[in-house]
C-alpha atoms as a PDB file:
ATOM      1  CA  MET A   1      20.645  -4.689 -16.057  1.00  0.00           C
ATOM      2  CA  GLU A   2      22.376  -3.718 -12.814  1.00  0.00           C
ATOM      3  CA  THR A   3      25.307  -1.347 -13.349  1.00  0.00           C
ATOM      4  CA  ALA A   4      28.485  -1.289 -11.262  1.00  0.00           C
ATOM      5  CA  ALA A   5      27.362   2.016  -9.762  1.00  0.00           C
ATOM      6  CA  SER A   6      24.031   0.583  -8.619  1.00  0.00           C
ATOM      7  CA  ALA A   7      25.331  -2.844  -7.577  1.00  0.00           C
ATOM      8  CA  PRO A   8      25.253  -3.573  -3.825  1.00  0.00           C
ATOM      9  CA  VAL A   9      28.431  -2.890  -1.881  1.00  0.00           C
ATOM     10  CA  ILE A  10      27.887  -6.158   0.028  1.00  0.00           C
ATOM     11  CA  GLU A  11      25.565  -8.950  -1.008  1.00  0.00           C
ATOM     12  CA  ALA A  12      25.238 -12.243   0.878  1.00  0.00           C
ATOM     13  CA  LYS A  13      23.088 -15.104  -0.380  1.00  0.00           C
ATOM     14  CA  SER A  14      22.383 -18.208   1.722  1.00  0.00           C
ATOM     15  CA  LEU A  15      25.718 -17.660   3.491  1.00  0.00           C
ATOM     16  CA  ASP A  16      26.922 -20.400   5.842  1.00  0.00           C
ATOM     17  CA  LEU A  17      30.118 -20.723   7.843  1.00  0.00           C
ATOM     18  CA  THR A  18      31.034 -23.759   9.934  1.00  0.00           C
ATOM     19  CA  PHE A  19      34.261 -23.911  11.923  1.00  0.00           C
ATOM     20  CA  GLN A  20      35.940 -27.270  12.435  1.00  0.00           C
ATOM     21  CA  THR A  21      37.122 -27.534  16.046  1.00  0.00           C
ATOM     22  CA  ALA A  22      38.619 -30.234  18.252  1.00  0.00           C
ATOM     23  CA  ASP A  23      35.144 -30.672  19.799  1.00  0.00           C
ATOM     24  CA  GLY A  24      33.436 -31.000  16.430  1.00  0.00           C
ATOM     25  CA  PRO A  25      31.896 -28.586  13.910  1.00  0.00           C
ATOM     26  CA  VAL A  26      30.540 -25.216  15.110  1.00  0.00           C
ATOM     27  CA  GLN A  27      28.145 -23.383  12.813  1.00  0.00           C
ATOM     28  CA  ALA A  28      28.765 -19.651  13.187  1.00  0.00           C
ATOM     29  CA  LEU A  29      26.535 -18.399  10.346  1.00  0.00           C
ATOM     30  CA  LYS A  30      23.468 -20.046   8.820  1.00  0.00           C
ATOM     31  CA  ASP A  31      21.536 -19.002   5.713  1.00  0.00           C
ATOM     32  CA  VAL A  32      22.445 -15.308   5.942  1.00  0.00           C
ATOM     33  CA  ASN A  33      20.863 -13.190   3.197  1.00  0.00           C
ATOM     34  CA  LEU A  34      21.675  -9.481   3.224  1.00  0.00           C
ATOM     35  CA  THR A  35      22.132  -6.572   0.829  1.00  0.00           C
ATOM     36  CA  ILE A  36      24.058  -3.428   1.801  1.00  0.00           C
ATOM     37  CA  ASN A  37      23.976  -0.526  -0.634  1.00  0.00           C
ATOM     38  CA  LYS A  38      26.320   2.386  -1.160  1.00  0.00           C
ATOM     39  CA  GLY A  39      26.059   4.956   1.620  1.00  0.00           C
ATOM     40  CA  ASP A  40      24.236   2.668   4.048  1.00  0.00           C
ATOM     41  CA  PHE A  41      25.155   2.730   7.735  1.00  0.00           C
ATOM     42  CA  VAL A  42      24.379  -0.833   8.823  1.00  0.00           C
ATOM     43  CA  SER A  43      24.616  -1.975  12.441  1.00  0.00           C
ATOM     44  CA  PHE A  44      24.768  -5.649  13.408  1.00  0.00           C
ATOM     45  CA  ILE A  45      23.370  -6.423  16.844  1.00  0.00           C
ATOM     46  CA  GLY A  46      22.868  -9.675  18.709  1.00  0.00           C
ATOM     47  CA  PRO A  47      24.126 -11.672  21.693  1.00  0.00           C
ATOM     48  CA  SER A  48      27.761 -12.683  22.067  1.00  0.00           C
ATOM     49  CA  GLY A  49      28.670 -15.510  19.728  1.00  0.00           C
ATOM     50  CA  CYS A  50      25.881 -14.786  17.238  1.00  0.00           C
ATOM     51  CA  GLY A  51      28.205 -14.249  14.277  1.00  0.00           C
ATOM     52  CA  LYS A  52      28.240 -10.430  14.059  1.00  0.00           C
ATOM     53  CA  THR A  53      32.007 -10.166  13.981  1.00  0.00           C
ATOM     54  CA  THR A  54      32.301 -13.357  11.944  1.00  0.00           C
ATOM     55  CA  PHE A  55      30.170 -11.790   9.208  1.00  0.00           C
ATOM     56  CA  LEU A  56      32.415  -8.706   9.142  1.00  0.00           C
ATOM     57  CA  ARG A  57      35.470 -10.969   8.981  1.00  0.00           C
ATOM     58  CA  VAL A  58      33.943 -12.831   6.020  1.00  0.00           C
ATOM     59  CA  VAL A  59      33.447  -9.489   4.236  1.00  0.00           C
ATOM     60  CA  ALA A  60      37.107  -8.693   4.938  1.00  0.00           C
ATOM     61  CA  ALA A  61      38.284 -12.144   3.720  1.00  0.00           C
ATOM     62  CA  LEU A  62      39.618 -12.921   7.201  1.00  0.00           C
ATOM     63  CA  GLU A  63      37.248 -15.916   7.305  1.00  0.00           C
ATOM     64  CA  HIS A  64      35.899 -17.910   4.378  1.00  0.00           C
ATOM     65  CA  PRO A  65      32.311 -19.177   4.114  1.00  0.00           C
ATOM     66  CA  THR A  66      31.597 -22.880   3.801  1.00  0.00           C
ATOM     67  CA  GLY A  67      28.367 -22.350   1.862  1.00  0.00           C
ATOM     68  CA  GLY A  68      26.444 -19.736  -0.087  1.00  0.00           C
ATOM     69  CA  GLU A  69      27.831 -16.647  -1.761  1.00  0.00           C
ATOM     70  CA  ILE A  70      29.092 -13.193  -0.810  1.00  0.00           C
ATOM     71  CA  THR A  71      30.357 -10.327  -2.940  1.00  0.00           C
ATOM     72  CA  VAL A  72      32.011  -7.024  -2.027  1.00  0.00           C
ATOM     73  CA  ASN A  73      31.751  -4.380  -4.743  1.00  0.00           C
ATOM     74  CA  GLY A  74      30.744  -7.180  -7.099  1.00  0.00           C
ATOM     75  CA  MET A  75      33.942  -9.141  -6.342  1.00  0.00           C
ATOM     76  CA  SER A  76      34.859 -11.967  -4.037  1.00  0.00           C
ATOM     77  CA  PRO A  77      36.063 -10.802  -0.605  1.00  0.00           C
ATOM     78  CA  ASP A  78      39.609 -11.928  -1.512  1.00  0.00           C
ATOM     79  CA  GLU A  79      39.546  -9.800  -4.655  1.00  0.00           C
ATOM     80  CA  ALA A  80      38.103  -6.873  -2.717  1.00  0.00           C
ATOM     81  CA  ARG A  81      40.887  -7.183  -0.139  1.00  0.00           C
ATOM     82  CA  ARG A  82      43.513  -7.070  -2.883  1.00  0.00           C
ATOM     83  CA  THR A  83      41.930  -3.891  -4.284  1.00  0.00           C
ATOM     84  CA  ARG A  84      41.875  -2.410  -0.757  1.00  0.00           C
ATOM     85  CA  ALA A  85      38.112  -1.958  -0.881  1.00  0.00           C
ATOM     86  CA  TYR A  86      37.665  -1.456   2.864  1.00  0.00           C
ATOM     87  CA  GLY A  87      39.155  -0.095   6.056  1.00  0.00           C
ATOM     88  CA  TYR A  88      38.768  -2.129   9.264  1.00  0.00           C
ATOM     89  CA  VAL A  89      38.485  -0.747  12.804  1.00  0.00           C
ATOM     90  CA  PHE A  90      38.899  -3.373  15.536  1.00  0.00           C
ATOM     91  CA  GLN A  91      37.579  -3.421  19.109  1.00  0.00           C
ATOM     92  CA  ALA A  92      40.953  -2.256  20.434  1.00  0.00           C
ATOM     93  CA  ALA A  93      42.662   0.715  18.805  1.00  0.00           C
ATOM     94  CA  GLY A  94      45.732  -1.426  18.073  1.00  0.00           C
ATOM     95  CA  LEU A  95      48.130   1.515  17.807  1.00  0.00           C
ATOM     96  CA  TYR A  96      51.866   0.831  18.009  1.00  0.00           C
ATOM     97  CA  PRO A  97      53.087   2.592  21.177  1.00  0.00           C
ATOM     98  CA  TRP A  98      56.520   3.383  19.704  1.00  0.00           C
ATOM     99  CA  ARG A  99      55.055   5.227  16.726  1.00  0.00           C
ATOM    100  CA  THR A 100      53.447   8.667  16.928  1.00  0.00           C
ATOM    101  CA  ILE A 101      49.799   9.027  15.953  1.00  0.00           C
ATOM    102  CA  GLU A 102      50.679  10.318  12.498  1.00  0.00           C
ATOM    103  CA  LYS A 103      53.158   7.486  11.963  1.00  0.00           C
ATOM    104  CA  ASN A 104      50.539   4.949  13.071  1.00  0.00           C
ATOM    105  CA  ILE A 105      48.169   6.391  10.473  1.00  0.00           C
ATOM    106  CA  LYS A 106      50.931   6.341   7.859  1.00  0.00           C
ATOM    107  CA  LEU A 107      51.681   2.648   8.367  1.00  0.00           C
ATOM    108  CA  PRO A 108      49.212   1.240   5.781  1.00  0.00           C
ATOM    109  CA  LEU A 109      50.189   4.025   3.384  1.00  0.00           C
ATOM    110  CA  GLU A 110      53.852   3.045   3.736  1.00  0.00           C
ATOM    111  CA  ILE A 111      52.983  -0.601   3.078  1.00  0.00           C
ATOM    112  CA  MET A 112      50.954   0.414   0.019  1.00  0.00           C
ATOM    113  CA  GLY A 113      53.867   2.426  -1.390  1.00  0.00           C
ATOM    114  CA  PHE A 114      52.506   5.979  -1.294  1.00  0.00           C
ATOM    115  CA  ASP A 115      55.215   8.631  -1.548  1.00  0.00           C
ATOM    116  CA  ARG A 116      55.946  10.781   1.488  1.00  0.00           C
ATOM    117  CA  THR A 117      54.170  13.878   0.170  1.00  0.00           C
ATOM    118  CA  GLU A 118      50.965  11.908  -0.443  1.00  0.00           C
ATOM    119  CA  GLN A 119      51.274  10.236   2.967  1.00  0.00           C
ATOM    120  CA  ASP A 120      51.505  13.626   4.665  1.00  0.00           C
ATOM    121  CA  ARG A 121      48.520  14.965   2.706  1.00  0.00           C
ATOM    122  CA  ARG A 122      46.322  12.012   3.585  1.00  0.00           C
ATOM    123  CA  VAL A 123      47.348  12.035   7.256  1.00  0.00           C
ATOM    124  CA  ASN A 124      46.522  15.735   7.548  1.00  0.00           C
ATOM    125  CA  ASN A 125      43.139  15.152   5.905  1.00  0.00           C
ATOM    126  CA  VAL A 126      42.076  12.276   8.154  1.00  0.00           C
ATOM    127  CA  LEU A 127      43.319  13.974  11.329  1.00  0.00           C
ATOM    128  CA  GLN A 128      40.979  16.842  10.445  1.00  0.00           C
ATOM    129  CA  LEU A 129      38.125  14.400   9.756  1.00  0.00           C
ATOM    130  CA  VAL A 130      38.390  12.843  13.228  1.00  0.00           C
ATOM    131  CA  ASP A 131      39.122  16.140  15.027  1.00  0.00           C
ATOM    132  CA  LEU A 132      42.671  15.221  16.016  1.00  0.00           C
ATOM    133  CA  GLU A 133      44.485  18.148  14.436  1.00  0.00           C
ATOM    134  CA  GLY A 134      47.540  19.007  16.512  1.00  0.00           C
ATOM    135  CA  PHE A 135      47.878  15.503  17.963  1.00  0.00           C
ATOM    136  CA  GLY A 136      49.862  13.885  15.150  1.00  0.00           C
ATOM    137  CA  LYS A 137      53.177  14.141  17.019  1.00  0.00           C
ATOM    138  CA  LYS A 138      51.758  12.602  20.200  1.00  0.00           C
ATOM    139  CA  PHE A 139      52.226   8.958  21.136  1.00  0.00           C
ATOM    140  CA  PRO A 140      49.211   6.718  21.801  1.00  0.00           C
ATOM    141  CA  TRP A 141      49.863   6.625  25.555  1.00  0.00           C
ATOM    142  CA  GLN A 142      49.481  10.419  25.629  1.00  0.00           C
ATOM    143  CA  LEU A 143      45.889  10.204  24.334  1.00  0.00           C
ATOM    144  CA  SER A 144      42.655   9.154  26.023  1.00  0.00           C
ATOM    145  CA  GLY A 145      40.951   5.913  25.029  1.00  0.00           C
ATOM    146  CA  GLY A 146      38.405   7.782  22.927  1.00  0.00           C
ATOM    147  CA  MET A 147      41.116   9.726  21.111  1.00  0.00           C
ATOM    148  CA  GLN A 148      43.018   6.509  20.436  1.00  0.00           C
ATOM    149  CA  GLN A 149      39.908   5.017  18.813  1.00  0.00           C
ATOM    150  CA  ARG A 150      39.539   8.129  16.674  1.00  0.00           C
ATOM    151  CA  ALA A 151      43.156   7.679  15.587  1.00  0.00           C
ATOM    152  CA  SER A 152      42.352   4.065  14.717  1.00  0.00           C
ATOM    153  CA  ILE A 153      39.427   5.269  12.595  1.00  0.00           C
ATOM    154  CA  ALA A 154      41.739   7.799  10.917  1.00  0.00           C
ATOM    155  CA  ARG A 155      44.166   4.997  10.039  1.00  0.00           C
ATOM    156  CA  ALA A 156      41.310   3.000   8.467  1.00  0.00           C
ATOM    157  CA  LEU A 157      40.240   6.066   6.468  1.00  0.00           C
ATOM    158  CA  ALA A 158      43.733   7.013   5.299  1.00  0.00           C
ATOM    159  CA  PHE A 159      43.694   5.025   2.046  1.00  0.00           C
ATOM    160  CA  ASP A 160      40.191   6.315   1.263  1.00  0.00           C
ATOM    161  CA  ALA A 161      38.295   3.050   0.810  1.00  0.00           C
ATOM    162  CA  ASP A 162      34.562   3.492   0.274  1.00  0.00           C
ATOM    163  CA  LEU A 163      33.688   0.768   2.813  1.00  0.00           C
ATOM    164  CA  LEU A 164      34.440   1.030   6.528  1.00  0.00           C
ATOM    165  CA  LEU A 165      34.052  -2.066   8.742  1.00  0.00           C
ATOM    166  CA  MET A 166      33.892  -1.361  12.492  1.00  0.00           C
ATOM    167  CA  ASP A 167      33.884  -4.145  15.072  1.00  0.00           C
ATOM    168  CA  GLU A 168      32.431  -2.684  18.276  1.00  0.00           C
ATOM    169  CA  PRO A 169      34.975   0.155  18.345  1.00  0.00           C
ATOM    170  CA  PHE A 170      33.379   1.992  21.301  1.00  0.00           C
ATOM    171  CA  GLY A 171      32.452  -0.983  23.479  1.00  0.00           C
ATOM    172  CA  ALA A 172      35.173  -0.440  26.081  1.00  0.00           C
ATOM    173  CA  LEU A 173      34.523   3.286  26.522  1.00  0.00           C
ATOM    174  CA  ASP A 174      32.387   4.963  29.162  1.00  0.00           C
ATOM    175  CA  GLU A 175      28.917   6.159  28.218  1.00  0.00           C
ATOM    176  CA  ILE A 176      29.723   9.878  28.011  1.00  0.00           C
ATOM    177  CA  VAL A 177      32.710   9.306  25.696  1.00  0.00           C
ATOM    178  CA  ARG A 178      30.715   6.776  23.694  1.00  0.00           C
ATOM    179  CA  ASP A 179      27.874   9.259  23.140  1.00  0.00           C
ATOM    180  CA  HIS A 180      30.354  11.879  21.955  1.00  0.00           C
ATOM    181  CA  LEU A 181      32.027   9.471  19.543  1.00  0.00           C
ATOM    182  CA  ASN A 182      28.641   8.324  18.231  1.00  0.00           C
ATOM    183  CA  GLU A 183      27.884  11.954  17.339  1.00  0.00           C
ATOM    184  CA  GLN A 184      31.291  12.389  15.741  1.00  0.00           C
ATOM    185  CA  LEU A 185      30.941   9.176  13.759  1.00  0.00           C
ATOM    186  CA  LEU A 186      27.619  10.341  12.294  1.00  0.00           C
ATOM    187  CA  HIS A 187      29.215  13.654  11.266  1.00  0.00           C
ATOM    188  CA  LEU A 188      32.148  11.751   9.741  1.00  0.00           C
ATOM    189  CA  TRP A 189      29.786   9.455   7.833  1.00  0.00           C
ATOM    190  CA  ALA A 190      27.845  12.453   6.500  1.00  0.00           C
ATOM    191  CA  ARG A 191      31.037  14.188   5.336  1.00  0.00           C
ATOM    192  CA  THR A 192      32.662  11.162   3.711  1.00  0.00           C
ATOM    193  CA  GLU A 193      29.568   9.303   2.392  1.00  0.00           C
ATOM    194  CA  LYS A 194      31.237   5.993   3.239  1.00  0.00           C
ATOM    195  CA  THR A 195      29.336   2.742   3.506  1.00  0.00           C
ATOM    196  CA  ILE A 196      29.689   1.512   7.100  1.00  0.00           C
ATOM    197  CA  GLY A 197      29.219  -1.921   8.661  1.00  0.00           C
ATOM    198  CA  PHE A 198      29.176  -1.563  12.459  1.00  0.00           C
ATOM    199  CA  VAL A 199      29.047  -4.281  15.131  1.00  0.00           C
ATOM    200  CA  THR A 200      27.551  -3.391  18.522  1.00  0.00           C
ATOM    201  CA  HIS A 201      25.893  -4.917  21.589  1.00  0.00           C
ATOM    202  CA  SER A 202      24.084  -1.653  22.383  1.00  0.00           C
ATOM    203  CA  ILE A 203      20.486  -1.187  21.220  1.00  0.00           C
ATOM    204  CA  PRO A 204      20.560   2.640  21.635  1.00  0.00           C
ATOM    205  CA  GLU A 205      23.841   2.840  19.711  1.00  0.00           C
ATOM    206  CA  ALA A 206      22.508   0.687  16.862  1.00  0.00           C
ATOM    207  CA  VAL A 207      19.298   2.715  16.580  1.00  0.00           C
ATOM    208  CA  TYR A 208      21.046   6.086  16.862  1.00  0.00           C
ATOM    209  CA  LEU A 209      23.695   5.423  14.217  1.00  0.00           C
ATOM    210  CA  SER A 210      22.062   3.316  11.560  1.00  0.00           C
ATOM    211  CA  THR A 211      20.081   3.572   8.373  1.00  0.00           C
ATOM    212  CA  LYS A 212      19.625  -0.212   8.624  1.00  0.00           C
ATOM    213  CA  ILE A 213      19.768  -2.469  11.693  1.00  0.00           C
ATOM    214  CA  VAL A 214      20.483  -6.183  11.285  1.00  0.00           C
ATOM    215  CA  VAL A 215      19.266  -8.214  14.283  1.00  0.00           C
ATOM    216  CA  MET A 216      20.952 -11.607  14.692  1.00  0.00           C
ATOM    217  CA  SER A 217      20.097 -14.736  16.672  1.00  0.00           C
ATOM    218  CA  PRO A 218      22.347 -16.796  18.947  1.00  0.00           C
ATOM    219  CA  ARG A 219      24.589 -19.378  17.288  1.00  0.00           C
ATOM    220  CA  PRO A 220      24.171 -20.457  14.595  1.00  0.00           C
ATOM    221  CA  GLY A 221      24.024 -16.805  13.552  1.00  0.00           C
ATOM    222  CA  ARG A 222      20.848 -16.048  11.614  1.00  0.00           C
ATOM    223  CA  ILE A 223      19.169 -12.778  10.750  1.00  0.00           C
ATOM    224  CA  THR A 224      15.900 -12.415  12.641  1.00  0.00           C
ATOM    225  CA  ASP A 225      15.048  -8.905  11.423  1.00  0.00           C
ATOM    226  CA  VAL A 226      16.343  -6.152   9.142  1.00  0.00           C
ATOM    227  CA  ILE A 227      15.024  -2.740  10.139  1.00  0.00           C
ATOM    228  CA  ASP A 228      15.203   0.240   7.763  1.00  0.00           C
ATOM    229  CA  SER A 229      15.341   3.276  10.021  1.00  0.00           C
ATOM    230  CA  PRO A 230      12.827   6.092   9.396  1.00  0.00           C
ATOM    231  CA  LEU A 231      14.857   8.532  11.523  1.00  0.00           C
ATOM    232  CA  PRO A 232      16.154  11.699   9.799  1.00  0.00           C
ATOM    233  CA  ALA A 233      19.813  11.980   8.807  1.00  0.00           C
ATOM    234  CA  ASP A 234      20.286  14.839  11.289  1.00  0.00           C
ATOM    235  CA  ARG A 235      20.204  13.132  14.691  1.00  0.00           C
ATOM    236  CA  PRO A 236      20.967  15.081  17.866  1.00  0.00           C
ATOM    237  CA  LEU A 237      21.492  12.862  20.903  1.00  0.00           C
ATOM    238  CA  ASP A 238      18.130  13.820  22.368  1.00  0.00           C
ATOM    239  CA  ILE A 239      16.414  12.079  19.446  1.00  0.00           C
ATOM    240  CA  ARG A 240      16.808   9.008  21.663  1.00  0.00           C
ATOM    241  CA  ASP A 241      13.944  10.298  23.819  1.00  0.00           C
ATOM    242  CA  THR A 242      11.458  10.514  20.939  1.00  0.00           C
ATOM    243  CA  PRO A 243       8.621   8.014  20.387  1.00  0.00           C
ATOM    244  CA  GLU A 244      10.021   7.150  16.937  1.00  0.00           C
ATOM    245  CA  PHE A 245      13.395   6.174  18.404  1.00  0.00           C
ATOM    246  CA  LEU A 246      11.844   4.162  21.229  1.00  0.00           C
ATOM    247  CA  GLU A 247       9.603   2.325  18.753  1.00  0.00           C
ATOM    248  CA  ILE A 248      12.624   1.175  16.713  1.00  0.00           C
ATOM    249  CA  ALA A 249      14.476   0.186  19.899  1.00  0.00           C
ATOM    250  CA  HIS A 250      11.445  -1.885  20.927  1.00  0.00           C
ATOM    251  CA  ARG A 251      11.442  -3.668  17.559  1.00  0.00           C
ATOM    252  CA  VAL A 252      15.165  -4.452  17.924  1.00  0.00           C
ATOM    253  CA  ARG A 253      14.549  -5.843  21.408  1.00  0.00           C
ATOM    254  CA  GLU A 254      11.680  -7.989  20.118  1.00  0.00           C
ATOM    255  CA  GLY A 255      13.911  -9.266  17.332  1.00  0.00           C
ATOM    256  CA  LEU A 256      16.547 -10.286  19.851  1.00  0.00           C
ATOM    257  CA  ARG A 257      13.921 -12.129  21.900  1.00  0.00           C
ATOM    258  CA  ALA A 258      12.609 -13.862  18.767  1.00  0.00           C
ATOM    259  CA  GLY A 259      16.131 -15.031  17.998  1.00  0.00           C
ATOM    260  CA  HIS A 260      16.413 -16.664  21.400  1.00  0.00           C
ATOM    261  CA  ALA A 261      13.170 -18.515  20.707  1.00  0.00           C
ATOM    262  CA  TYR A 262      14.689 -20.475  17.807  1.00  0.00           C
ATOM    263  CA  ASP A 263      15.132 -24.200  18.294  1.00  0.00           C
ATOM    264  CA  ASP A 264      18.453 -25.480  16.993  1.00  0.00           C
END
């Protein structure tokens, strides 16, 4: 019998989601079957409109499926949301410009009713985790785009959920900053042992970060391949030049092409 400790963090079975629009129904997800276990770093990659973000939003109970099943920590997504099972990092940092970085991070803790001493302790901890010590009193406009995204990650980590959902958080950043944040995110994942669901359009980013890569087709979003990465946990950036890395990247690219070959 499967225990709570061994149960998947996320499990989707025959998951469908159809939006009703003024122009008729639009099927965003079709027959999605996926298991994500504790400690996995799972990247979702596919063309725009393939349902990557929609799947993350279903996990977060921001959208509700129209068919199939999905559980988060063995609960419905709505139940998981009420137990604060996840942190969510959006494409834009979404920091309030009138609040300092530490007060932005404190916002969910204030809403959740933590006392001030505990708020301060958690803020100090997550600022260290994302290498933003000394920047708590700054305002968002005083930080670079990359630092703002790190502050957004800190806010998502502040209430210490085991699951972190990240919707293309580095997509708007230049390549040098993105590489640096990819390295930092891997170090953060190793230190915290979180389970991470990560949406990206970048094949190198997906391969570099992930223990599992989920390749999705154009709408309606279907999974064309799930790749378990053989790469070691310790991944310097130059691992991207190795034959093993390039082989996985090739498989991802082939999966994307196969998805485009589907007939609707």
